[in-house]
Structure formats: structure tokens, C-alpha cells
Amino acid sequence: MPKPSDLLQGTLDLLILKTIAREPLHGWRISKRIQLLSGDILAVGQGSLYPALHRLEHQGWIRAEWKMSDLGRDAKFYTLTRDGRKQLQRELASWERLSSAVALLIERA
């Protein structure tokens, strides 16, 4: 069985954008939500998550704001920008095409 990190290759941006589309979250909470919603199948380590968050912020798809977390400490909360919402739609469309193609291949092979 592939490692969760292998499954995330190429989909991490989509997972992050989709996860914070509902509400602003800090990094640890993004990681935990992905893990929870995937039924503990997907795990995003700090070594992958934080570089991705910085990259998405640099691209203008998310913005960060320091706020108090539920743990009582300051944390960077990430939220989608208008461009980020557009990118999320592109990523979802791309995922649909890819997953449909894989499903067809599996059915027909």
C-alpha cells in the first residue's frame, strides 16, 4: 500500500485550498482536518505543509493573519483570497478530469 505522502504528491495544493475554503485555519488544524476527513488515510507532515502554505501565500492564493488559537497561543491562520477561490475551482476541475481518466482506465483494463 502506498504511503500517505505518496498519495499527496500533486494534490497537496488542492487539499489545502479545499480545507480552508470553509473557514480560516492554522497549520496544525489544517493538517488535522485533512487527516480526520480522510479517515486517517492522509497525513500531511510539517515538512510538506508549511512549505506549501508559504508557496500558496506567495502565489496570492491564501493570506495569513496572526490570531489567538483555541490553544491560547498566537498562530498564523490561513484564508483563501479571491484568486485562491478561482484556483480552487481550477484544481477541482483538474482533479475531476484526472480521477475520471483513472477510473476509466481501471474499468477498461
PDB file of N, CA and C in Angstrom:
ATOM      1  N   MET A   1       0.851  -1.185   0.000  1.00  0.00           N
ATOM      2  CA  MET A   1       0.000   0.000   0.000  1.00  0.00           C
ATOM      3  C   MET A   1       0.889   1.238   0.000  1.00  0.00           C
ATOM      4  N   PRO A   2       0.595   2.237  -0.839  1.00  0.00           N
ATOM      5  CA  PRO A   2       1.430   3.435  -0.875  1.00  0.00           C
ATOM      6  C   PRO A   2       1.361   4.206   0.432  1.00  0.00           C
ATOM      7  N   LYS A   3       2.442   4.898   0.722  1.00  0.00           N
ATOM      8  CA  LYS A   3       2.467   5.770   1.897  1.00  0.00           C
ATOM      9  C   LYS A   3       1.552   6.974   1.638  1.00  0.00           C
ATOM     10  N   PRO A   4       0.927   7.523   2.691  1.00  0.00           N
ATOM     11  CA  PRO A   4       0.075   8.702   2.501  1.00  0.00           C
ATOM     12  C   PRO A   4       0.796   9.844   1.803  1.00  0.00           C
ATOM     13  N   SER A   5       2.090  10.023   2.085  1.00  0.00           N
ATOM     14  CA  SER A   5       2.809  11.127   1.446  1.00  0.00           C
ATOM     15  C   SER A   5       2.881  10.936  -0.060  1.00  0.00           C
ATOM     16  N   ASP A   6       2.942   9.673  -0.518  1.00  0.00           N
ATOM     17  CA  ASP A   6       2.938   9.416  -1.952  1.00  0.00           C
ATOM     18  C   ASP A   6       1.598   9.796  -2.568  1.00  0.00           C
ATOM     19  N   LEU A   7       0.521   9.529  -1.845  1.00  0.00           N
ATOM     20  CA  LEU A   7      -0.801   9.853  -2.354  1.00  0.00           C
ATOM     21  C   LEU A   7      -1.008  11.359  -2.477  1.00  0.00           C
ATOM     22  N   LEU A   8      -0.319  12.123  -1.632  1.00  0.00           N
ATOM     23  CA  LEU A   8      -0.496  13.572  -1.641  1.00  0.00           C
ATOM     24  C   LEU A   8       0.271  14.261  -2.759  1.00  0.00           C
ATOM     25  N   GLN A   9       1.240  13.572  -3.329  1.00  0.00           N
ATOM     26  CA  GLN A   9       2.060  14.187  -4.368  1.00  0.00           C
ATOM     27  C   GLN A   9       1.151  14.765  -5.460  1.00  0.00           C
ATOM     28  N   GLY A  10       1.250  16.048  -5.687  1.00  0.00           N
ATOM     29  CA  GLY A  10       0.471  16.695  -6.730  1.00  0.00           C
ATOM     30  C   GLY A  10      -0.923  17.108  -6.322  1.00  0.00           C
ATOM     31  N   THR A  11      -1.377  16.715  -5.134  1.00  0.00           N
ATOM     32  CA  THR A  11      -2.730  17.085  -4.696  1.00  0.00           C
ATOM     33  C   THR A  11      -2.726  17.949  -3.444  1.00  0.00           C
ATOM     34  N   LEU A  12      -1.561  18.229  -2.910  1.00  0.00           N
ATOM     35  CA  LEU A  12      -1.491  18.962  -1.648  1.00  0.00           C
ATOM     36  C   LEU A  12      -2.119  20.352  -1.755  1.00  0.00           C
ATOM     37  N   ASP A  13      -1.853  21.069  -2.848  1.00  0.00           N
ATOM     38  CA  ASP A  13      -2.460  22.396  -3.006  1.00  0.00           C
ATOM     39  C   ASP A  13      -3.981  22.305  -2.960  1.00  0.00           C
ATOM     40  N   LEU A  14      -4.532  21.343  -3.699  1.00  0.00           N
ATOM     41  CA  LEU A  14      -5.984  21.154  -3.712  1.00  0.00           C
ATOM     42  C   LEU A  14      -6.506  20.869  -2.308  1.00  0.00           C
ATOM     43  N   LEU A  15      -5.847  19.977  -1.589  1.00  0.00           N
ATOM     44  CA  LEU A  15      -6.312  19.625  -0.246  1.00  0.00           C
ATOM     45  C   LEU A  15      -6.270  20.816   0.703  1.00  0.00           C
ATOM     46  N   ILE A  16      -5.219  21.600   0.625  1.00  0.00           N
ATOM     47  CA  ILE A  16      -5.107  22.777   1.498  1.00  0.00           C
ATOM     48  C   ILE A  16      -6.170  23.806   1.140  1.00  0.00           C
ATOM     49  N   LEU A  17      -6.290  24.133  -0.139  1.00  0.00           N
ATOM     50  CA  LEU A  17      -7.265  25.139  -0.559  1.00  0.00           C
ATOM     51  C   LEU A  17      -8.681  24.723  -0.184  1.00  0.00           C
ATOM     52  N   LYS A  18      -9.012  23.461  -0.412  1.00  0.00           N
ATOM     53  CA  LYS A  18     -10.356  22.969  -0.084  1.00  0.00           C
ATOM     54  C   LYS A  18     -10.587  22.989   1.424  1.00  0.00           C
ATOM     55  N   THR A  19      -9.571  22.660   2.193  1.00  0.00           N
ATOM     56  CA  THR A  19      -9.699  22.604   3.654  1.00  0.00           C
ATOM     57  C   THR A  19      -9.954  23.976   4.263  1.00  0.00           C
ATOM     58  N   ILE A  20      -9.310  25.013   3.723  1.00  0.00           N
ATOM     59  CA  ILE A  20      -9.507  26.342   4.314  1.00  0.00           C
ATOM     60  C   ILE A  20     -10.608  27.140   3.613  1.00  0.00           C
ATOM     61  N   ALA A  21     -11.268  26.536   2.622  1.00  0.00           N
ATOM     62  CA  ALA A  21     -12.346  27.244   1.919  1.00  0.00           C
ATOM     63  C   ALA A  21     -13.509  27.544   2.851  1.00  0.00           C
ATOM     64  N   ARG A  22     -13.737  26.673   3.816  1.00  0.00           N
ATOM     65  CA  ARG A  22     -14.861  26.838   4.733  1.00  0.00           C
ATOM     66  C   ARG A  22     -14.612  27.859   5.813  1.00  0.00           C
ATOM     67  N   GLU A  23     -13.386  27.845   6.352  1.00  0.00           N
ATOM     68  CA  GLU A  23     -13.054  28.767   7.437  1.00  0.00           C
ATOM     69  C   GLU A  23     -11.543  28.893   7.558  1.00  0.00           C
ATOM     70  N   PRO A  24     -11.070  30.023   8.064  1.00  0.00           N
ATOM     71  CA  PRO A  24      -9.622  30.181   8.290  1.00  0.00           C
ATOM     72  C   PRO A  24      -9.135  29.172   9.332  1.00  0.00           C
ATOM     73  N   LEU A  25      -7.989  28.580   9.053  1.00  0.00           N
ATOM     74  CA  LEU A  25      -7.408  27.609   9.968  1.00  0.00           C
ATOM     75  C   LEU A  25      -5.909  27.835  10.080  1.00  0.00           C
ATOM     76  N   HIS A  26      -5.336  27.437  11.211  1.00  0.00           N
ATOM     77  CA  HIS A  26      -3.876  27.473  11.350  1.00  0.00           C
ATOM     78  C   HIS A  26      -3.310  26.137  10.875  1.00  0.00           C
ATOM     79  N   GLY A  27      -2.006  26.095  10.664  1.00  0.00           N
ATOM     80  CA  GLY A  27      -1.357  24.952  10.048  1.00  0.00           C
ATOM     81  C   GLY A  27      -1.663  23.623  10.702  1.00  0.00           C
ATOM     82  N   TRP A  28      -1.547  23.546  12.023  1.00  0.00           N
ATOM     83  CA  TRP A  28      -1.798  22.286  12.714  1.00  0.00           C
ATOM     84  C   TRP A  28      -3.231  21.822  12.481  1.00  0.00           C
ATOM     85  N   ARG A  29      -4.166  22.762  12.515  1.00  0.00           N
ATOM     86  CA  ARG A  29      -5.579  22.422  12.328  1.00  0.00           C
ATOM     87  C   ARG A  29      -5.847  21.982  10.878  1.00  0.00           C
ATOM     88  N   ILE A  30      -5.153  22.587   9.902  1.00  0.00           N
ATOM     89  CA  ILE A  30      -5.285  22.150   8.501  1.00  0.00           C
ATOM     90  C   ILE A  30      -4.859  20.686   8.390  1.00  0.00           C
ATOM     91  N   SER A  31      -3.709  20.380   8.960  1.00  0.00           N
ATOM     92  CA  SER A  31      -3.190  19.019   8.922  1.00  0.00           C
ATOM     93  C   SER A  31      -4.157  18.041   9.582  1.00  0.00           C
ATOM     94  N   LYS A  32      -4.669  18.384  10.739  1.00  0.00           N
ATOM     95  CA  LYS A  32      -5.589  17.509  11.463  1.00  0.00           C
ATOM     96  C   LYS A  32      -6.912  17.338  10.724  1.00  0.00           C
ATOM     97  N   ARG A  33      -7.409  18.405  10.105  1.00  0.00           N
ATOM     98  CA  ARG A  33      -8.681  18.297   9.377  1.00  0.00           C
ATOM     99  C   ARG A  33      -8.523  17.367   8.174  1.00  0.00           C
ATOM    100  N   ILE A  34      -7.411  17.486   7.437  1.00  0.00           N
ATOM    101  CA  ILE A  34      -7.167  16.597   6.300  1.00  0.00           C
ATOM    102  C   ILE A  34      -7.118  15.151   6.789  1.00  0.00           C
ATOM    103  N   GLN A  35      -6.423  14.922   7.886  1.00  0.00           N
ATOM    104  CA  GLN A  35      -6.317  13.572   8.440  1.00  0.00           C
ATOM    105  C   GLN A  35      -7.685  13.044   8.873  1.00  0.00           C
ATOM    106  N   LEU A  36      -8.445  13.861   9.572  1.00  0.00           N
ATOM    107  CA  LEU A  36      -9.758  13.460  10.066  1.00  0.00           C
ATOM    108  C   LEU A  36     -10.729  13.164   8.924  1.00  0.00           C
ATOM    109  N   LEU A  37     -10.832  14.102   7.977  1.00  0.00           N
ATOM    110  CA  LEU A  37     -11.800  13.947   6.891  1.00  0.00           C
ATOM    111  C   LEU A  37     -11.443  12.815   5.937  1.00  0.00           C
ATOM    112  N   SER A  38     -10.182  12.417   5.923  1.00  0.00           N
ATOM    113  CA  SER A  38      -9.770  11.299   5.063  1.00  0.00           C
ATOM    114  C   SER A  38      -9.840   9.965   5.808  1.00  0.00           C
ATOM    115  N   GLY A  39     -10.370   9.969   7.008  1.00  0.00           N
ATOM    116  CA  GLY A  39     -10.460   8.739   7.783  1.00  0.00           C
ATOM    117  C   GLY A  39      -9.095   8.212   8.187  1.00  0.00           C
ATOM    118  N   ASP A  40      -8.189   9.129   8.490  1.00  0.00           N
ATOM    119  CA  ASP A  40      -6.813   8.800   8.895  1.00  0.00           C
ATOM    120  C   ASP A  40      -5.990   8.137   7.785  1.00  0.00           C
ATOM    121  N   ILE A  41      -6.401   8.300   6.547  1.00  0.00           N
ATOM    122  CA  ILE A  41      -5.643   7.736   5.421  1.00  0.00           C
ATOM    123  C   ILE A  41      -4.546   8.709   5.000  1.00  0.00           C
ATOM    124  N   LEU A  42      -4.884   9.996   4.961  1.00  0.00           N
ATOM    125  CA  LEU A  42      -3.928  11.015   4.521  1.00  0.00           C
ATOM    126  C   LEU A  42      -3.357  11.753   5.721  1.00  0.00           C
ATOM    127  N   ALA A  43      -2.058  11.919   5.696  1.00  0.00           N
ATOM    128  CA  ALA A  43      -1.373  12.668   6.748  1.00  0.00           C
ATOM    129  C   ALA A  43      -0.406  13.631   6.073  1.00  0.00           C
ATOM    130  N   VAL A  44      -0.480  14.890   6.466  1.00  0.00           N
ATOM    131  CA  VAL A  44       0.411  15.909   5.907  1.00  0.00           C
ATOM    132  C   VAL A  44       1.375  16.324   7.002  1.00  0.00           C
ATOM    133  N   GLY A  45       2.631  16.030   6.804  1.00  0.00           N
ATOM    134  CA  GLY A  45       3.646  16.396   7.777  1.00  0.00           C
ATOM    135  C   GLY A  45       4.025  17.863   7.668  1.00  0.00           C
ATOM    136  N   GLN A  46       4.620  18.380   8.735  1.00  0.00           N
ATOM    137  CA  GLN A  46       5.035  19.784   8.760  1.00  0.00           C
ATOM    138  C   GLN A  46       6.016  20.099   7.642  1.00  0.00           C
ATOM    139  N   GLY A  47       6.867  19.137   7.303  1.00  0.00           N
ATOM    140  CA  GLY A  47       7.867  19.353   6.267  1.00  0.00           C
ATOM    141  C   GLY A  47       7.268  19.538   4.883  1.00  0.00           C
ATOM    142  N   SER A  48       6.038  19.100   4.695  1.00  0.00           N
ATOM    143  CA  SER A  48       5.324  19.316   3.432  1.00  0.00           C
ATOM    144  C   SER A  48       4.340  20.472   3.546  1.00  0.00           C
ATOM    145  N   LEU A  49       3.643  20.532   4.677  1.00  0.00           N
ATOM    146  CA  LEU A  49       2.572  21.515   4.841  1.00  0.00           C
ATOM    147  C   LEU A  49       3.074  22.951   4.824  1.00  0.00           C
ATOM    148  N   TYR A  50       4.057  23.268   5.652  1.00  0.00           N
ATOM    149  CA  TYR A  50       4.456  24.667   5.786  1.00  0.00           C
ATOM    150  C   TYR A  50       5.121  25.230   4.530  1.00  0.00           C
ATOM    151  N   PRO A  51       5.961  24.476   3.836  1.00  0.00           N
ATOM    152  CA  PRO A  51       6.454  24.994   2.553  1.00  0.00           C
ATOM    153  C   PRO A  51       5.315  25.226   1.553  1.00  0.00           C
ATOM    154  N   ALA A  52       4.314  24.331   1.554  1.00  0.00           N
ATOM    155  CA  ALA A  52       3.169  24.508   0.653  1.00  0.00           C
ATOM    156  C   ALA A  52       2.377  25.758   1.030  1.00  0.00           C
ATOM    157  N   LEU A  53       2.162  25.983   2.318  1.00  0.00           N
ATOM    158  CA  LEU A  53       1.441  27.183   2.755  1.00  0.00           C
ATOM    159  C   LEU A  53       2.189  28.454   2.342  1.00  0.00           C
ATOM    160  N   HIS A  54       3.499  28.459   2.508  1.00  0.00           N
ATOM    161  CA  HIS A  54       4.297  29.622   2.109  1.00  0.00           C
ATOM    162  C   HIS A  54       4.225  29.829   0.601  1.00  0.00           C
ATOM    163  N   ARG A  55       4.279  28.739  -0.153  1.00  0.00           N
ATOM    164  CA  ARG A  55       4.188  28.843  -1.615  1.00  0.00           C
ATOM    165  C   ARG A  55       2.826  29.393  -2.043  1.00  0.00           C
ATOM    166  N   LEU A  56       1.757  28.876  -1.449  1.00  0.00           N
ATOM    167  CA  LEU A  56       0.411  29.343  -1.789  1.00  0.00           C
ATOM    168  C   LEU A  56       0.223  30.809  -1.403  1.00  0.00           C
ATOM    169  N   GLU A  57       0.813  31.202  -0.297  1.00  0.00           N
ATOM    170  CA  GLU A  57       0.742  32.607   0.127  1.00  0.00           C
ATOM    171  C   GLU A  57       1.517  33.488  -0.859  1.00  0.00           C
ATOM    172  N   HIS A  58       2.677  33.031  -1.269  1.00  0.00           N
ATOM    173  CA  HIS A  58       3.499  33.777  -2.226  1.00  0.00           C
ATOM    174  C   HIS A  58       2.772  33.926  -3.571  1.00  0.00           C
ATOM    175  N   GLN A  59       1.998  32.912  -3.954  1.00  0.00           N
ATOM    176  CA  GLN A  59       1.248  32.959  -5.213  1.00  0.00           C
ATOM    177  C   GLN A  59      -0.010  33.821  -5.109  1.00  0.00           C
ATOM    178  N   GLY A  60      -0.328  34.244  -3.893  1.00  0.00           N
ATOM    179  CA  GLY A  60      -1.500  35.102  -3.704  1.00  0.00           C
ATOM    180  C   GLY A  60      -2.808  34.347  -3.581  1.00  0.00           C
ATOM    181  N   TRP A  61      -2.747  33.038  -3.379  1.00  0.00           N
ATOM    182  CA  TRP A  61      -3.959  32.240  -3.282  1.00  0.00           C
ATOM    183  C   TRP A  61      -4.487  32.142  -1.864  1.00  0.00           C
ATOM    184  N   ILE A  62      -3.620  32.373  -0.892  1.00  0.00           N
ATOM    185  CA  ILE A  62      -4.046  32.420   0.504  1.00  0.00           C
ATOM    186  C   ILE A  62      -3.379  33.619   1.164  1.00  0.00           C
ATOM    187  N   ARG A  63      -3.944  34.034   2.292  1.00  0.00           N
ATOM    188  CA  ARG A  63      -3.290  35.078   3.088  1.00  0.00           C
ATOM    189  C   ARG A  63      -3.279  34.597   4.533  1.00  0.00           C
ATOM    190  N   ALA A  64      -2.304  35.093   5.255  1.00  0.00           N
ATOM    191  CA  ALA A  64      -2.128  34.668   6.643  1.00  0.00           C
ATOM    192  C   ALA A  64      -2.341  35.849   7.576  1.00  0.00           C
ATOM    193  N   GLU A  65      -2.908  35.547   8.727  1.00  0.00           N
ATOM    194  CA  GLU A  65      -3.135  36.567   9.754  1.00  0.00           C
ATOM    195  C   GLU A  65      -2.887  35.917  11.116  1.00  0.00           C
ATOM    196  N   TRP A  66      -2.118  36.605  11.950  1.00  0.00           N
ATOM    197  CA  TRP A  66      -1.851  36.100  13.295  1.00  0.00           C
ATOM    198  C   TRP A  66      -3.078  36.324  14.166  1.00  0.00           C
ATOM    199  N   LYS A  67      -3.525  35.255  14.825  1.00  0.00           N
ATOM    200  CA  LYS A  67      -4.656  35.315  15.754  1.00  0.00           C
ATOM    201  C   LYS A  67      -4.385  34.361  16.909  1.00  0.00           C
ATOM    202  N   MET A  68      -5.206  34.480  17.927  1.00  0.00           N
ATOM    203  CA  MET A  68      -5.125  33.571  19.061  1.00  0.00           C
ATOM    204  C   MET A  68      -5.802  32.259  18.674  1.00  0.00           C
ATOM    205  N   SER A  69      -5.109  31.144  18.888  1.00  0.00           N
ATOM    206  CA  SER A  69      -5.673  29.828  18.569  1.00  0.00           C
ATOM    207  C   SER A  69      -6.525  29.331  19.725  1.00  0.00           C
ATOM    208  N   ASP A  70      -7.208  28.214  19.493  1.00  0.00           N
ATOM    209  CA  ASP A  70      -8.020  27.612  20.540  1.00  0.00           C
ATOM    210  C   ASP A  70      -7.160  27.051  21.673  1.00  0.00           C
ATOM    211  N   LEU A  71      -5.856  26.968  21.439  1.00  0.00           N
ATOM    212  CA  LEU A  71      -4.927  26.513  22.475  1.00  0.00           C
ATOM    213  C   LEU A  71      -4.382  27.674  23.302  1.00  0.00           C
ATOM    214  N   GLY A  72      -4.842  28.901  22.995  1.00  0.00           N
ATOM    215  CA  GLY A  72      -4.420  30.067  23.753  1.00  0.00           C
ATOM    216  C   GLY A  72      -3.085  30.645  23.325  1.00  0.00           C
ATOM    217  N   ARG A  73      -2.605  30.247  22.157  1.00  0.00           N
ATOM    218  CA  ARG A  73      -1.336  30.765  21.644  1.00  0.00           C
ATOM    219  C   ARG A  73      -1.578  31.444  20.305  1.00  0.00           C
ATOM    220  N   ASP A  74      -0.698  32.385  19.979  1.00  0.00           N
ATOM    221  CA  ASP A  74      -0.777  33.014  18.666  1.00  0.00           C
ATOM    222  C   ASP A  74      -0.421  31.997  17.592  1.00  0.00           C
ATOM    223  N   ALA A  75      -1.181  32.032  16.509  1.00  0.00           N
ATOM    224  CA  ALA A  75      -0.928  31.132  15.389  1.00  0.00           C
ATOM    225  C   ALA A  75      -1.296  31.866  14.113  1.00  0.00           C
ATOM    226  N   LYS A  76      -0.662  31.482  13.026  1.00  0.00           N
ATOM    227  CA  LYS A  76      -0.968  32.039  11.712  1.00  0.00           C
ATOM    228  C   LYS A  76      -2.186  31.310  11.158  1.00  0.00           C
ATOM    229  N   PHE A  77      -3.255  32.052  10.935  1.00  0.00           N
ATOM    230  CA  PHE A  77      -4.465  31.486  10.349  1.00  0.00           C
ATOM    231  C   PHE A  77      -4.477  31.818   8.862  1.00  0.00           C
ATOM    232  N   TYR A  78      -4.783  30.820   8.062  1.00  0.00           N
ATOM    233  CA  TYR A  78      -4.757  30.968   6.613  1.00  0.00           C
ATOM    234  C   TYR A  78      -6.180  31.006   6.069  1.00  0.00           C
ATOM    235  N   THR A  79      -6.403  31.894   5.116  1.00  0.00           N
ATOM    236  CA  THR A  79      -7.697  32.027   4.477  1.00  0.00           C
ATOM    237  C   THR A  79      -7.502  32.177   2.972  1.00  0.00           C
ATOM    238  N   LEU A  80      -8.512  31.786   2.201  1.00  0.00           N
ATOM    239  CA  LEU A  80      -8.439  31.922   0.752  1.00  0.00           C
ATOM    240  C   LEU A  80      -8.627  33.371   0.325  1.00  0.00           C
ATOM    241  N   THR A  81      -7.917  33.759  -0.704  1.00  0.00           N
ATOM    242  CA  THR A  81      -8.141  35.047  -1.343  1.00  0.00           C
ATOM    243  C   THR A  81      -9.119  34.822  -2.504  1.00  0.00           C
ATOM    244  N   ARG A  82      -9.517  35.881  -3.150  1.00  0.00           N
ATOM    245  CA  ARG A  82     -10.379  35.754  -4.329  1.00  0.00           C
ATOM    246  C   ARG A  82      -9.682  34.907  -5.390  1.00  0.00           C
ATOM    247  N   ASP A  83      -8.394  35.184  -5.625  1.00  0.00           N
ATOM    248  CA  ASP A  83      -7.634  34.376  -6.585  1.00  0.00           C
ATOM    249  C   ASP A  83      -7.516  32.927  -6.122  1.00  0.00           C
ATOM    250  N   GLY A  84      -7.439  32.724  -4.819  1.00  0.00           N
ATOM    251  CA  GLY A  84      -7.379  31.377  -4.272  1.00  0.00           C
ATOM    252  C   GLY A  84      -8.651  30.595  -4.542  1.00  0.00           C
ATOM    253  N   ARG A  85      -9.787  31.262  -4.458  1.00  0.00           N
ATOM    254  CA  ARG A  85     -11.069  30.598  -4.764  1.00  0.00           C
ATOM    255  C   ARG A  85     -11.118  30.186  -6.234  1.00  0.00           C
ATOM    256  N   LYS A  86     -10.601  31.055  -7.095  1.00  0.00           N
ATOM    257  CA  LYS A  86     -10.543  30.719  -8.529  1.00  0.00           C
ATOM    258  C   LYS A  86      -9.600  29.542  -8.756  1.00  0.00           C
ATOM    259  N   GLN A  87      -8.467  29.548  -8.078  1.00  0.00           N
ATOM    260  CA  GLN A  87      -7.515  28.455  -8.219  1.00  0.00           C
ATOM    261  C   GLN A  87      -8.105  27.148  -7.695  1.00  0.00           C
ATOM    262  N   LEU A  88      -8.854  27.217  -6.608  1.00  0.00           N
ATOM    263  CA  LEU A  88      -9.504  26.025  -6.075  1.00  0.00           C
ATOM    264  C   LEU A  88     -10.431  25.421  -7.126  1.00  0.00           C
ATOM    265  N   GLN A  89     -11.178  26.257  -7.829  1.00  0.00           N
ATOM    266  CA  GLN A  89     -12.070  25.739  -8.877  1.00  0.00           C
ATOM    267  C   GLN A  89     -11.278  25.074 -10.001  1.00  0.00           C
ATOM    268  N   ARG A  90     -10.143  25.672 -10.371  1.00  0.00           N
ATOM    269  CA  ARG A  90      -9.287  25.057 -11.400  1.00  0.00           C
ATOM    270  C   ARG A  90      -8.737  23.722 -10.914  1.00  0.00           C
ATOM    271  N   GLU A  91      -8.288  23.687  -9.660  1.00  0.00           N
ATOM    272  CA  GLU A  91      -7.736  22.458  -9.096  1.00  0.00           C
ATOM    273  C   GLU A  91      -8.803  21.358  -9.026  1.00  0.00           C
ATOM    274  N   LEU A  92     -10.028  21.726  -8.638  1.00  0.00           N
ATOM    275  CA  LEU A  92     -11.110  20.746  -8.573  1.00  0.00           C
ATOM    276  C   LEU A  92     -11.440  20.196  -9.960  1.00  0.00           C
ATOM    277  N   ALA A  93     -11.473  21.068 -10.964  1.00  0.00           N
ATOM    278  CA  ALA A  93     -11.748  20.628 -12.335  1.00  0.00           C
ATOM    279  C   ALA A  93     -10.647  19.681 -12.821  1.00  0.00           C
ATOM    280  N   SER A  94      -9.418  20.018 -12.528  1.00  0.00           N
ATOM    281  CA  SER A  94      -8.294  19.174 -12.913  1.00  0.00           C
ATOM    282  C   SER A  94      -8.377  17.818 -12.219  1.00  0.00           C
ATOM    283  N   TRP A  95      -8.708  17.819 -10.931  1.00  0.00           N
ATOM    284  CA  TRP A  95      -8.840  16.574 -10.187  1.00  0.00           C
ATOM    285  C   TRP A  95      -9.954  15.707 -10.787  1.00  0.00           C
ATOM    286  N   GLU A  96     -11.078  16.328 -11.142  1.00  0.00           N
ATOM    287  CA  GLU A  96     -12.185  15.588 -11.754  1.00  0.00           C
ATOM    288  C   GLU A  96     -11.741  14.905 -13.042  1.00  0.00           C
ATOM    289  N   ARG A  97     -11.013  15.639 -13.897  1.00  0.00           N
ATOM    290  CA  ARG A  97     -10.526  15.053 -15.148  1.00  0.00           C
ATOM    291  C   ARG A  97      -9.591  13.890 -14.867  1.00  0.00           C
ATOM    292  N   LEU A  98      -8.662  14.084 -13.955  1.00  0.00           N
ATOM    293  CA  LEU A  98      -7.688  13.050 -13.638  1.00  0.00           C
ATOM    294  C   LEU A  98      -8.355  11.819 -13.029  1.00  0.00           C
ATOM    295  N   SER A  99      -9.207  12.023 -12.043  1.00  0.00           N
ATOM    296  CA  SER A  99      -9.835  10.881 -11.375  1.00  0.00           C
ATOM    297  C   SER A  99     -10.783  10.145 -12.326  1.00  0.00           C
ATOM    298  N   SER A 100     -11.450  10.844 -13.223  1.00  0.00           N
ATOM    299  CA  SER A 100     -12.307  10.204 -14.228  1.00  0.00           C
ATOM    300  C   SER A 100     -11.484   9.367 -15.185  1.00  0.00           C
ATOM    301  N   ALA A 101     -10.351   9.897 -15.604  1.00  0.00           N
ATOM    302  CA  ALA A 101      -9.469   9.159 -16.512  1.00  0.00           C
ATOM    303  C   ALA A 101      -8.929   7.897 -15.844  1.00  0.00           C
ATOM    304  N   VAL A 102      -8.529   8.009 -14.582  1.00  0.00           N
ATOM    305  CA  VAL A 102      -8.033   6.839 -13.848  1.00  0.00           C
ATOM    306  C   VAL A 102      -9.148   5.801 -13.699  1.00  0.00           C
ATOM    307  N   ALA A 103     -10.364   6.252 -13.368  1.00  0.00           N
ATOM    308  CA  ALA A 103     -11.495   5.329 -13.214  1.00  0.00           C
ATOM    309  C   ALA A 103     -11.772   4.606 -14.537  1.00  0.00           C
ATOM    310  N   LEU A 104     -11.722   5.330 -15.650  1.00  0.00           N
ATOM    311  CA  LEU A 104     -11.929   4.695 -16.954  1.00  0.00           C
ATOM    312  C   LEU A 104     -10.850   3.656 -17.230  1.00  0.00           C
ATOM    313  N   LEU A 105      -9.625   3.987 -16.952  1.00  0.00           N
ATOM    314  CA  LEU A 105      -8.532   3.052 -17.184  1.00  0.00           C
ATOM    315  C   LEU A 105      -8.720   1.783 -16.349  1.00  0.00           C
ATOM    316  N   ILE A 106      -9.099   1.946 -15.089  1.00  0.00           N
ATOM    317  CA  ILE A 106      -9.286   0.796 -14.209  1.00  0.00           C
ATOM    318  C   ILE A 106     -10.430  -0.080 -14.714  1.00  0.00           C
ATOM    319  N   GLU A 107     -11.532   0.547 -15.154  1.00  0.00           N
ATOM    320  CA  GLU A 107     -12.680  -0.200 -15.654  1.00  0.00           C
ATOM    321  C   GLU A 107     -12.359  -0.973 -16.926  1.00  0.00           C
ATOM    322  N   ARG A 108     -11.577  -0.352 -17.799  1.00  0.00           N
ATOM    323  CA  ARG A 108     -11.350  -0.915 -19.134  1.00  0.00           C
ATOM    324  C   ARG A 108     -10.118  -1.802 -19.242  1.00  0.00           C
ATOM    325  N   ALA A 109      -9.254  -1.739 -18.266  1.00  0.00           N
ATOM    326  CA  ALA A 109      -8.006  -2.507 -18.357  1.00  0.00           C
ATOM    327  C   ALA A 109      -8.203  -3.967 -18.037  1.00  0.00           C
TER     328      ALA A 109
END
